[in-house]
Amino acid sequence: MSNPFSMTGRRALITGASLSIGRSLALAFAEQGAAIALHYSAAADKAFGQPDAAQKTLAEVKARGVGACLVEADLSREGAGRQIVADAIAGLGGVDILVVCASVQTRAPFLEVTGEQIERQFQINFRATVDLLQAALPGMKERGWGRVLTIGSINQVKPEPELAIYAALKSAQHNLCINLARQYAPFNVMINNLSPGLVATERNRWRRQDADDWKKIQAAAAPFMARAAEPDEMVGAALLLCSGAASYIAGIDLMVTGAAHLSR
């Protein structure tokens, strides 16, 4: 293969694609020739103070000379995952690559987590993943080519006390990934998980307001490198696992943490 990371002719659906890691992956995949369906939540982008983020990302994707469409949906709604895939297929003609990137966190001591908070995290971080996969996998299997990348977290192996529910659901998603990888690898549908460490995203921008506090957070979360990753630093691993280069890679959990997962 002259370029094993080429995605020319492929169609990628990326959830949470308007900002942070999802945005970086959308732009990188477009650079490699993939048409992109960018899922986003208008309410989430507005809450981050970036109501035009999806439109801006769409314009940047199209500037790379590939087809693209927007798919707006609140993943906490019942059936949103299936509708997102249906809309992506309508916009692109099919889905060859699925990246499950969108998720939510609720930071709270375990005994203070409310039922509403648990349900919202369950719906967005796990149930929607199931719906996305059930809708996207049949077409990949039928065509004999597919790539699925679930975005996990270092919290699968190093859970934080205030992220107990988030960590548990990321572990559940990883388990689902392993289960399905065995079933679909014979059909050239490769399913893998990518687990970032601390990344400077919109979700944790509030933690970066105080430079001294952020420095301490980085040192604690990434003791060997003493810094958070930038969203673009997730691109290399994602390109590997979502392209033809992953023709013999299935069921792995690729830790992109600056070695933080090795700390005690």
C-alpha atoms as a PDB file:
ATOM      1  CA  MET A   1       0.000   0.000   0.000  1.00  0.00           C
ATOM      2  CA  SER A   2       1.460   3.341  -1.043  1.00  0.00           C
ATOM      3  CA  ASN A   3      -0.515   5.062   1.709  1.00  0.00           C
ATOM      4  CA  PRO A   4      -1.931   2.611   4.244  1.00  0.00           C
ATOM      5  CA  PHE A   5      -3.747   5.456   6.026  1.00  0.00           C
ATOM      6  CA  SER A   6      -5.655   6.606   2.966  1.00  0.00           C
ATOM      7  CA  MET A   7      -9.410   6.880   3.420  1.00  0.00           C
ATOM      8  CA  THR A   8     -10.225   7.861  -0.125  1.00  0.00           C
ATOM      9  CA  GLY A   9     -13.672   6.561  -1.025  1.00  0.00           C
ATOM     10  CA  ARG A  10     -14.591   5.838   2.602  1.00  0.00           C
ATOM     11  CA  ARG A  11     -17.467   7.443   4.500  1.00  0.00           C
ATOM     12  CA  ALA A  12     -16.977   8.241   8.167  1.00  0.00           C
ATOM     13  CA  LEU A  13     -19.520   9.071  10.843  1.00  0.00           C
ATOM     14  CA  ILE A  14     -17.993  10.742  13.905  1.00  0.00           C
ATOM     15  CA  THR A  15     -20.101  11.560  16.936  1.00  0.00           C
ATOM     16  CA  GLY A  16     -19.224  14.674  18.897  1.00  0.00           C
ATOM     17  CA  ALA A  17     -17.370  15.969  15.847  1.00  0.00           C
ATOM     18  CA  SER A  18     -17.822  19.713  16.256  1.00  0.00           C
ATOM     19  CA  LEU A  19     -15.229  20.243  19.002  1.00  0.00           C
ATOM     20  CA  SER A  20     -12.099  18.843  20.621  1.00  0.00           C
ATOM     21  CA  ILE A  21     -11.089  15.243  19.794  1.00  0.00           C
ATOM     22  CA  GLY A  22     -14.003  14.655  17.432  1.00  0.00           C
ATOM     23  CA  ARG A  23     -13.167  17.777  15.460  1.00  0.00           C
ATOM     24  CA  SER A  24      -9.505  16.819  15.166  1.00  0.00           C
ATOM     25  CA  LEU A  25     -10.443  13.376  13.859  1.00  0.00           C
ATOM     26  CA  ALA A  26     -12.926  14.801  11.367  1.00  0.00           C
ATOM     27  CA  LEU A  27     -10.311  17.120   9.868  1.00  0.00           C
ATOM     28  CA  ALA A  28      -7.644  14.403   9.794  1.00  0.00           C
ATOM     29  CA  PHE A  29      -9.956  11.869   8.144  1.00  0.00           C
ATOM     30  CA  ALA A  30     -10.958  14.476   5.565  1.00  0.00           C
ATOM     31  CA  GLU A  31      -7.266  15.104   4.857  1.00  0.00           C
ATOM     32  CA  GLN A  32      -7.002  11.399   4.066  1.00  0.00           C
ATOM     33  CA  GLY A  33      -9.931  11.602   1.634  1.00  0.00           C
ATOM     34  CA  ALA A  34     -12.903  10.403   3.678  1.00  0.00           C
ATOM     35  CA  ALA A  35     -16.341  11.942   3.332  1.00  0.00           C
ATOM     36  CA  ILE A  36     -17.510  12.968   6.808  1.00  0.00           C
ATOM     37  CA  ALA A  37     -20.843  12.957   8.626  1.00  0.00           C
ATOM     38  CA  LEU A  38     -20.318  15.254  11.587  1.00  0.00           C
ATOM     39  CA  HIS A  39     -22.639  14.552  14.479  1.00  0.00           C
ATOM     40  CA  TYR A  40     -23.053  17.300  17.048  1.00  0.00           C
ATOM     41  CA  SER A  41     -25.402  18.448  19.787  1.00  0.00           C
ATOM     42  CA  ALA A  42     -26.535  22.037  19.364  1.00  0.00           C
ATOM     43  CA  ALA A  43     -27.334  22.295  23.061  1.00  0.00           C
ATOM     44  CA  ALA A  44     -23.894  21.020  24.072  1.00  0.00           C
ATOM     45  CA  ASP A  45     -22.061  23.405  21.736  1.00  0.00           C
ATOM     46  CA  LYS A  46     -24.145  26.304  23.033  1.00  0.00           C
ATOM     47  CA  ALA A  47     -23.337  25.313  26.614  1.00  0.00           C
ATOM     48  CA  PHE A  48     -19.633  25.425  25.738  1.00  0.00           C
ATOM     49  CA  GLY A  49     -20.114  28.925  24.357  1.00  0.00           C
ATOM     50  CA  GLN A  50     -19.493  27.789  20.764  1.00  0.00           C
ATOM     51  CA  PRO A  51     -22.911  27.644  19.065  1.00  0.00           C
ATOM     52  CA  ASP A  52     -21.355  27.831  15.567  1.00  0.00           C
ATOM     53  CA  ALA A  53     -18.753  25.097  16.139  1.00  0.00           C
ATOM     54  CA  ALA A  54     -20.437  22.504  13.908  1.00  0.00           C
ATOM     55  CA  GLN A  55     -20.839  24.888  10.978  1.00  0.00           C
ATOM     56  CA  LYS A  56     -17.211  26.009  11.293  1.00  0.00           C
ATOM     57  CA  THR A  57     -15.950  22.417  11.383  1.00  0.00           C
ATOM     58  CA  LEU A  58     -18.141  21.527   8.396  1.00  0.00           C
ATOM     59  CA  ALA A  59     -16.618  24.377   6.397  1.00  0.00           C
ATOM     60  CA  GLU A  60     -13.085  23.244   7.278  1.00  0.00           C
ATOM     61  CA  VAL A  61     -13.882  19.666   6.282  1.00  0.00           C
ATOM     62  CA  LYS A  62     -15.346  20.735   2.939  1.00  0.00           C
ATOM     63  CA  ALA A  63     -12.293  22.927   2.312  1.00  0.00           C
ATOM     64  CA  ARG A  64     -10.312  19.686   2.153  1.00  0.00           C
ATOM     65  CA  GLY A  65     -12.256  18.700  -0.954  1.00  0.00           C
ATOM     66  CA  VAL A  66     -14.440  15.931   0.446  1.00  0.00           C
ATOM     67  CA  GLY A  67     -18.163  15.465   0.893  1.00  0.00           C
ATOM     68  CA  ALA A  68     -19.625  16.262   4.277  1.00  0.00           C
ATOM     69  CA  CYS A  69     -22.894  16.682   6.125  1.00  0.00           C
ATOM     70  CA  LEU A  70     -24.085  17.684   9.582  1.00  0.00           C
ATOM     71  CA  VAL A  71     -26.167  15.417  11.787  1.00  0.00           C
ATOM     72  CA  GLU A  72     -27.628  17.133  14.851  1.00  0.00           C
ATOM     73  CA  ALA A  73     -28.957  14.993  17.690  1.00  0.00           C
ATOM     74  CA  ASP A  74     -29.119  14.808  21.471  1.00  0.00           C
ATOM     75  CA  LEU A  75     -27.779  11.347  22.321  1.00  0.00           C
ATOM     76  CA  SER A  76     -29.747  11.295  25.557  1.00  0.00           C
ATOM     77  CA  ARG A  77     -32.935  10.875  23.524  1.00  0.00           C
ATOM     78  CA  GLU A  78     -34.254   7.357  22.965  1.00  0.00           C
ATOM     79  CA  GLY A  79     -33.342   6.102  19.495  1.00  0.00           C
ATOM     80  CA  ALA A  80     -30.978   8.986  18.722  1.00  0.00           C
ATOM     81  CA  GLY A  81     -28.112   6.633  17.839  1.00  0.00           C
ATOM     82  CA  ARG A  82     -30.093   4.823  15.176  1.00  0.00           C
ATOM     83  CA  GLN A  83     -31.383   8.085  13.725  1.00  0.00           C
ATOM     84  CA  ILE A  84     -27.846   9.494  13.527  1.00  0.00           C
ATOM     85  CA  VAL A  85     -26.711   6.509  11.453  1.00  0.00           C
ATOM     86  CA  ALA A  86     -29.787   6.774   9.220  1.00  0.00           C
ATOM     87  CA  ASP A  87     -29.114  10.478   8.644  1.00  0.00           C
ATOM     88  CA  ALA A  88     -25.428   9.826   7.933  1.00  0.00           C
ATOM     89  CA  ILE A  89     -26.328   7.154   5.383  1.00  0.00           C
ATOM     90  CA  ALA A  90     -28.799   9.547   3.770  1.00  0.00           C
ATOM     91  CA  GLY A  91     -26.136  12.242   3.599  1.00  0.00           C
ATOM     92  CA  LEU A  92     -23.171  10.138   2.480  1.00  0.00           C
ATOM     93  CA  GLY A  93     -24.712   7.050   0.915  1.00  0.00           C
ATOM     94  CA  GLY A  94     -23.348   4.727   3.600  1.00  0.00           C
ATOM     95  CA  VAL A  95     -21.110   4.479   6.649  1.00  0.00           C
ATOM     96  CA  ASP A  96     -17.809   2.610   6.385  1.00  0.00           C
ATOM     97  CA  ILE A  97     -16.155   4.104   9.485  1.00  0.00           C
ATOM     98  CA  LEU A  98     -17.851   4.830  12.803  1.00  0.00           C
ATOM     99  CA  VAL A  99     -16.128   6.755  15.571  1.00  0.00           C
ATOM    100  CA  VAL A 100     -18.053   6.876  18.845  1.00  0.00           C
ATOM    101  CA  CYS A 101     -16.555   9.985  20.406  1.00  0.00           C
ATOM    102  CA  ALA A 102     -19.372  11.900  22.102  1.00  0.00           C
ATOM    103  CA  SER A 103     -19.719  11.410  25.850  1.00  0.00           C
ATOM    104  CA  VAL A 104     -20.591  13.278  29.035  1.00  0.00           C
ATOM    105  CA  GLN A 105     -19.098  13.391  32.520  1.00  0.00           C
ATOM    106  CA  THR A 106     -20.665  14.213  35.856  1.00  0.00           C
ATOM    107  CA  ARG A 107     -18.109  14.910  38.556  1.00  0.00           C
ATOM    108  CA  ALA A 108     -19.469  14.091  42.008  1.00  0.00           C
ATOM    109  CA  PRO A 109     -18.662  11.877  44.992  1.00  0.00           C
ATOM    110  CA  PHE A 110     -20.270   8.476  44.425  1.00  0.00           C
ATOM    111  CA  LEU A 111     -22.813   8.792  47.246  1.00  0.00           C
ATOM    112  CA  GLU A 112     -23.988  12.132  45.844  1.00  0.00           C
ATOM    113  CA  VAL A 113     -24.620  11.000  42.270  1.00  0.00           C
ATOM    114  CA  THR A 114     -28.325  11.334  41.491  1.00  0.00           C
ATOM    115  CA  GLY A 115     -30.474   8.921  39.535  1.00  0.00           C
ATOM    116  CA  GLU A 116     -30.972  11.537  36.839  1.00  0.00           C
ATOM    117  CA  GLN A 117     -27.204  11.963  36.459  1.00  0.00           C
ATOM    118  CA  ILE A 118     -26.709   8.202  36.228  1.00  0.00           C
ATOM    119  CA  GLU A 119     -29.432   7.832  33.610  1.00  0.00           C
ATOM    120  CA  ARG A 120     -28.091  10.657  31.438  1.00  0.00           C
ATOM    121  CA  GLN A 121     -24.570   9.214  31.474  1.00  0.00           C
ATOM    122  CA  PHE A 122     -25.903   5.727  30.750  1.00  0.00           C
ATOM    123  CA  GLN A 123     -27.949   6.900  27.776  1.00  0.00           C
ATOM    124  CA  ILE A 124     -25.180   8.973  26.180  1.00  0.00           C
ATOM    125  CA  ASN A 125     -22.092   6.949  27.127  1.00  0.00           C
ATOM    126  CA  PHE A 126     -23.413   3.422  26.612  1.00  0.00           C
ATOM    127  CA  ARG A 127     -26.953   2.978  25.320  1.00  0.00           C
ATOM    128  CA  ALA A 128     -26.342   5.311  22.380  1.00  0.00           C
ATOM    129  CA  THR A 129     -23.196   3.318  21.542  1.00  0.00           C
ATOM    130  CA  VAL A 130     -25.276   0.142  21.344  1.00  0.00           C
ATOM    131  CA  ASP A 131     -27.788   1.836  19.042  1.00  0.00           C
ATOM    132  CA  LEU A 132     -25.059   3.279  16.809  1.00  0.00           C
ATOM    133  CA  LEU A 133     -23.405  -0.107  16.461  1.00  0.00           C
ATOM    134  CA  GLN A 134     -26.618  -2.007  15.806  1.00  0.00           C
ATOM    135  CA  ALA A 135     -27.468   0.447  13.037  1.00  0.00           C
ATOM    136  CA  ALA A 136     -24.016   0.699  11.429  1.00  0.00           C
ATOM    137  CA  LEU A 137     -22.577  -2.818  11.615  1.00  0.00           C
ATOM    138  CA  PRO A 138     -24.967  -4.624   9.234  1.00  0.00           C
ATOM    139  CA  GLY A 139     -23.949  -2.450   6.277  1.00  0.00           C
ATOM    140  CA  MET A 140     -20.251  -2.859   7.055  1.00  0.00           C
ATOM    141  CA  LYS A 141     -20.607  -6.626   7.275  1.00  0.00           C
ATOM    142  CA  GLU A 142     -22.532  -6.788   4.016  1.00  0.00           C
ATOM    143  CA  ARG A 143     -19.870  -4.754   2.175  1.00  0.00           C
ATOM    144  CA  GLY A 144     -17.012  -6.724   3.731  1.00  0.00           C
ATOM    145  CA  TRP A 145     -15.202  -3.642   5.046  1.00  0.00           C
ATOM    146  CA  GLY A 146     -15.656  -1.541   8.145  1.00  0.00           C
ATOM    147  CA  ARG A 147     -13.863   0.218  10.953  1.00  0.00           C
ATOM    148  CA  VAL A 148     -15.337   1.040  14.355  1.00  0.00           C
ATOM    149  CA  LEU A 149     -13.459   3.061  16.937  1.00  0.00           C
ATOM    150  CA  THR A 150     -14.925   3.663  20.350  1.00  0.00           C
ATOM    151  CA  ILE A 151     -13.281   6.427  22.354  1.00  0.00           C
ATOM    152  CA  GLY A 152     -12.716   5.130  25.852  1.00  0.00           C
ATOM    153  CA  SER A 153     -10.728   6.632  28.700  1.00  0.00           C
ATOM    154  CA  ILE A 154      -7.760   6.068  30.958  1.00  0.00           C
ATOM    155  CA  ASN A 155     -10.442   5.890  33.653  1.00  0.00           C
ATOM    156  CA  GLN A 156     -11.132   2.316  32.525  1.00  0.00           C
ATOM    157  CA  VAL A 157      -7.951   1.299  34.345  1.00  0.00           C
ATOM    158  CA  LYS A 158      -7.396   4.328  36.605  1.00  0.00           C
ATOM    159  CA  PRO A 159     -10.849   5.487  37.733  1.00  0.00           C
ATOM    160  CA  GLU A 160     -11.147   8.804  39.530  1.00  0.00           C
ATOM    161  CA  PRO A 161     -13.284   8.862  42.702  1.00  0.00           C
ATOM    162  CA  GLU A 162     -15.561  11.596  41.318  1.00  0.00           C
ATOM    163  CA  LEU A 163     -16.014   9.820  37.974  1.00  0.00           C
ATOM    164  CA  ALA A 164     -17.178   6.419  39.195  1.00  0.00           C
ATOM    165  CA  ILE A 165     -20.185   6.169  36.857  1.00  0.00           C
ATOM    166  CA  TYR A 166     -18.305   7.558  33.859  1.00  0.00           C
ATOM    167  CA  ALA A 167     -15.434   5.120  34.423  1.00  0.00           C
ATOM    168  CA  ALA A 168     -17.789   2.156  34.822  1.00  0.00           C
ATOM    169  CA  LEU A 169     -19.592   2.975  31.583  1.00  0.00           C
ATOM    170  CA  LYS A 170     -16.339   3.416  29.659  1.00  0.00           C
ATOM    171  CA  SER A 171     -15.320  -0.025  30.924  1.00  0.00           C
ATOM    172  CA  ALA A 172     -18.642  -1.424  29.738  1.00  0.00           C
ATOM    173  CA  GLN A 173     -18.128   0.127  26.308  1.00  0.00           C
ATOM    174  CA  HIS A 174     -14.669  -1.430  26.107  1.00  0.00           C
ATOM    175  CA  ASN A 175     -16.101  -4.834  27.016  1.00  0.00           C
ATOM    176  CA  LEU A 176     -18.709  -4.461  24.271  1.00  0.00           C
ATOM    177  CA  CYS A 177     -15.933  -3.568  21.822  1.00  0.00           C
ATOM    178  CA  ILE A 178     -13.995  -6.741  22.640  1.00  0.00           C
ATOM    179  CA  ASN A 179     -17.101  -8.889  22.336  1.00  0.00           C
ATOM    180  CA  LEU A 180     -18.056  -7.496  18.933  1.00  0.00           C
ATOM    181  CA  ALA A 181     -14.480  -7.496  17.620  1.00  0.00           C
ATOM    182  CA  ARG A 182     -14.451 -11.291  17.762  1.00  0.00           C
ATOM    183  CA  GLN A 183     -17.751 -11.520  15.917  1.00  0.00           C
ATOM    184  CA  TYR A 184     -16.976  -9.084  13.107  1.00  0.00           C
ATOM    185  CA  ALA A 185     -13.261  -9.534  12.382  1.00  0.00           C
ATOM    186  CA  PRO A 186     -14.028 -12.438   9.984  1.00  0.00           C
ATOM    187  CA  PHE A 187     -15.936  -9.948   7.828  1.00  0.00           C
ATOM    188  CA  ASN A 188     -13.095  -7.393   7.700  1.00  0.00           C
ATOM    189  CA  VAL A 189     -14.959  -5.166  10.134  1.00  0.00           C
ATOM    190  CA  MET A 190     -12.341  -4.187  12.693  1.00  0.00           C
ATOM    191  CA  ILE A 191     -13.571  -2.878  16.036  1.00  0.00           C
ATOM    192  CA  ASN A 192     -11.162  -1.245  18.471  1.00  0.00           C
ATOM    193  CA  ASN A 193     -11.023   1.116  21.433  1.00  0.00           C
ATOM    194  CA  LEU A 194      -8.813   4.180  21.943  1.00  0.00           C
ATOM    195  CA  SER A 195      -8.339   5.359  25.520  1.00  0.00           C
ATOM    196  CA  PRO A 196      -7.008   8.907  25.944  1.00  0.00           C
ATOM    197  CA  GLY A 197      -5.463  10.215  29.098  1.00  0.00           C
ATOM    198  CA  LEU A 198      -5.922  13.843  30.109  1.00  0.00           C
ATOM    199  CA  VAL A 199      -6.647  15.916  26.998  1.00  0.00           C
ATOM    200  CA  ALA A 200      -7.172  19.680  26.877  1.00  0.00           C
ATOM    201  CA  THR A 201     -10.755  19.703  25.595  1.00  0.00           C
ATOM    202  CA  GLU A 202     -13.713  22.043  25.792  1.00  0.00           C
ATOM    203  CA  ARG A 203     -15.149  19.822  28.524  1.00  0.00           C
ATOM    204  CA  ASN A 204     -12.307  20.619  30.892  1.00  0.00           C
ATOM    205  CA  ARG A 205     -11.671  24.210  29.817  1.00  0.00           C
ATOM    206  CA  TRP A 206     -13.049  25.344  33.183  1.00  0.00           C
ATOM    207  CA  ARG A 207     -10.174  23.513  34.868  1.00  0.00           C
ATOM    208  CA  ARG A 208      -7.664  25.555  32.878  1.00  0.00           C
ATOM    209  CA  GLN A 209      -8.833  28.967  34.047  1.00  0.00           C
ATOM    210  CA  ASP A 210      -6.262  29.016  36.837  1.00  0.00           C
ATOM    211  CA  ALA A 211      -2.840  28.336  35.341  1.00  0.00           C
ATOM    212  CA  ASP A 212      -1.325  27.138  38.610  1.00  0.00           C
ATOM    213  CA  ASP A 213      -4.199  24.769  39.322  1.00  0.00           C
ATOM    214  CA  TRP A 214      -4.036  23.398  35.765  1.00  0.00           C
ATOM    215  CA  LYS A 215      -0.315  22.778  36.144  1.00  0.00           C
ATOM    216  CA  LYS A 216      -1.006  20.707  39.266  1.00  0.00           C
ATOM    217  CA  ILE A 217      -3.817  18.803  37.530  1.00  0.00           C
ATOM    218  CA  GLN A 218      -1.525  17.943  34.636  1.00  0.00           C
ATOM    219  CA  ALA A 219       1.278  16.802  36.930  1.00  0.00           C
ATOM    220  CA  ALA A 220      -1.092  14.539  38.847  1.00  0.00           C
ATOM    221  CA  ALA A 221      -2.862  13.120  35.792  1.00  0.00           C
ATOM    222  CA  ALA A 222       0.234  12.704  33.606  1.00  0.00           C
ATOM    223  CA  PRO A 223       3.155  12.248  36.033  1.00  0.00           C
ATOM    224  CA  PHE A 224       5.721  11.218  33.424  1.00  0.00           C
ATOM    225  CA  MET A 225       5.124  13.966  30.869  1.00  0.00           C
ATOM    226  CA  ALA A 226       3.578  16.546  33.226  1.00  0.00           C
ATOM    227  CA  ARG A 227       1.228  17.871  30.583  1.00  0.00           C
ATOM    228  CA  ALA A 228      -2.123  17.189  29.032  1.00  0.00           C
ATOM    229  CA  ALA A 229      -2.395  16.056  25.424  1.00  0.00           C
ATOM    230  CA  GLU A 230      -3.843  18.257  22.721  1.00  0.00           C
ATOM    231  CA  PRO A 231      -6.806  16.839  20.753  1.00  0.00           C
ATOM    232  CA  ASP A 232      -4.626  16.542  17.618  1.00  0.00           C
ATOM    233  CA  GLU A 233      -2.410  14.054  19.481  1.00  0.00           C
ATOM    234  CA  MET A 234      -5.206  11.483  19.226  1.00  0.00           C
ATOM    235  CA  VAL A 235      -5.126  11.630  15.427  1.00  0.00           C
ATOM    236  CA  GLY A 236      -2.264   9.208  14.723  1.00  0.00           C
ATOM    237  CA  ALA A 237      -3.794   6.370  16.713  1.00  0.00           C
ATOM    238  CA  ALA A 238      -7.225   6.974  15.205  1.00  0.00           C
ATOM    239  CA  LEU A 239      -5.865   6.981  11.643  1.00  0.00           C
ATOM    240  CA  LEU A 240      -4.166   3.666  12.316  1.00  0.00           C
ATOM    241  CA  LEU A 241      -7.313   2.031  13.676  1.00  0.00           C
ATOM    242  CA  CYS A 242      -9.791   3.495  11.174  1.00  0.00           C
ATOM    243  CA  SER A 243      -7.896   2.954   7.910  1.00  0.00           C
ATOM    244  CA  GLY A 244      -6.661   0.087   5.805  1.00  0.00           C
ATOM    245  CA  ALA A 245      -3.631  -0.041   8.096  1.00  0.00           C
ATOM    246  CA  ALA A 246      -5.830  -1.827  10.652  1.00  0.00           C
ATOM    247  CA  SER A 247      -6.469  -4.815   8.382  1.00  0.00           C
ATOM    248  CA  TYR A 248      -5.186  -7.211  11.080  1.00  0.00           C
ATOM    249  CA  ILE A 249      -5.979  -5.213  14.233  1.00  0.00           C
ATOM    250  CA  ALA A 250      -9.128  -6.050  16.157  1.00  0.00           C
ATOM    251  CA  GLY A 251     -10.230  -5.862  19.768  1.00  0.00           C
ATOM    252  CA  ILE A 252      -7.372  -3.757  21.107  1.00  0.00           C
ATOM    253  CA  ASP A 253      -7.494  -0.971  23.675  1.00  0.00           C
ATOM    254  CA  LEU A 254      -4.884   1.546  22.579  1.00  0.00           C
ATOM    255  CA  MET A 255      -3.855   3.736  25.504  1.00  0.00           C
ATOM    256  CA  VAL A 256      -2.844   7.227  24.364  1.00  0.00           C
ATOM    257  CA  THR A 257      -1.949   8.618  27.753  1.00  0.00           C
ATOM    258  CA  GLY A 258       1.688   9.699  27.728  1.00  0.00           C
ATOM    259  CA  ALA A 259       2.329   6.553  29.829  1.00  0.00           C
ATOM    260  CA  ALA A 260      -0.010   7.831  32.568  1.00  0.00           C
ATOM    261  CA  HIS A 261      -1.821   4.481  32.668  1.00  0.00           C
ATOM    262  CA  LEU A 262       1.450   2.937  33.914  1.00  0.00           C
ATOM    263  CA  SER A 263       1.633   5.142  37.001  1.00  0.00           C
ATOM    264  CA  ARG A 264       0.675   3.814  40.407  1.00  0.00           C
END
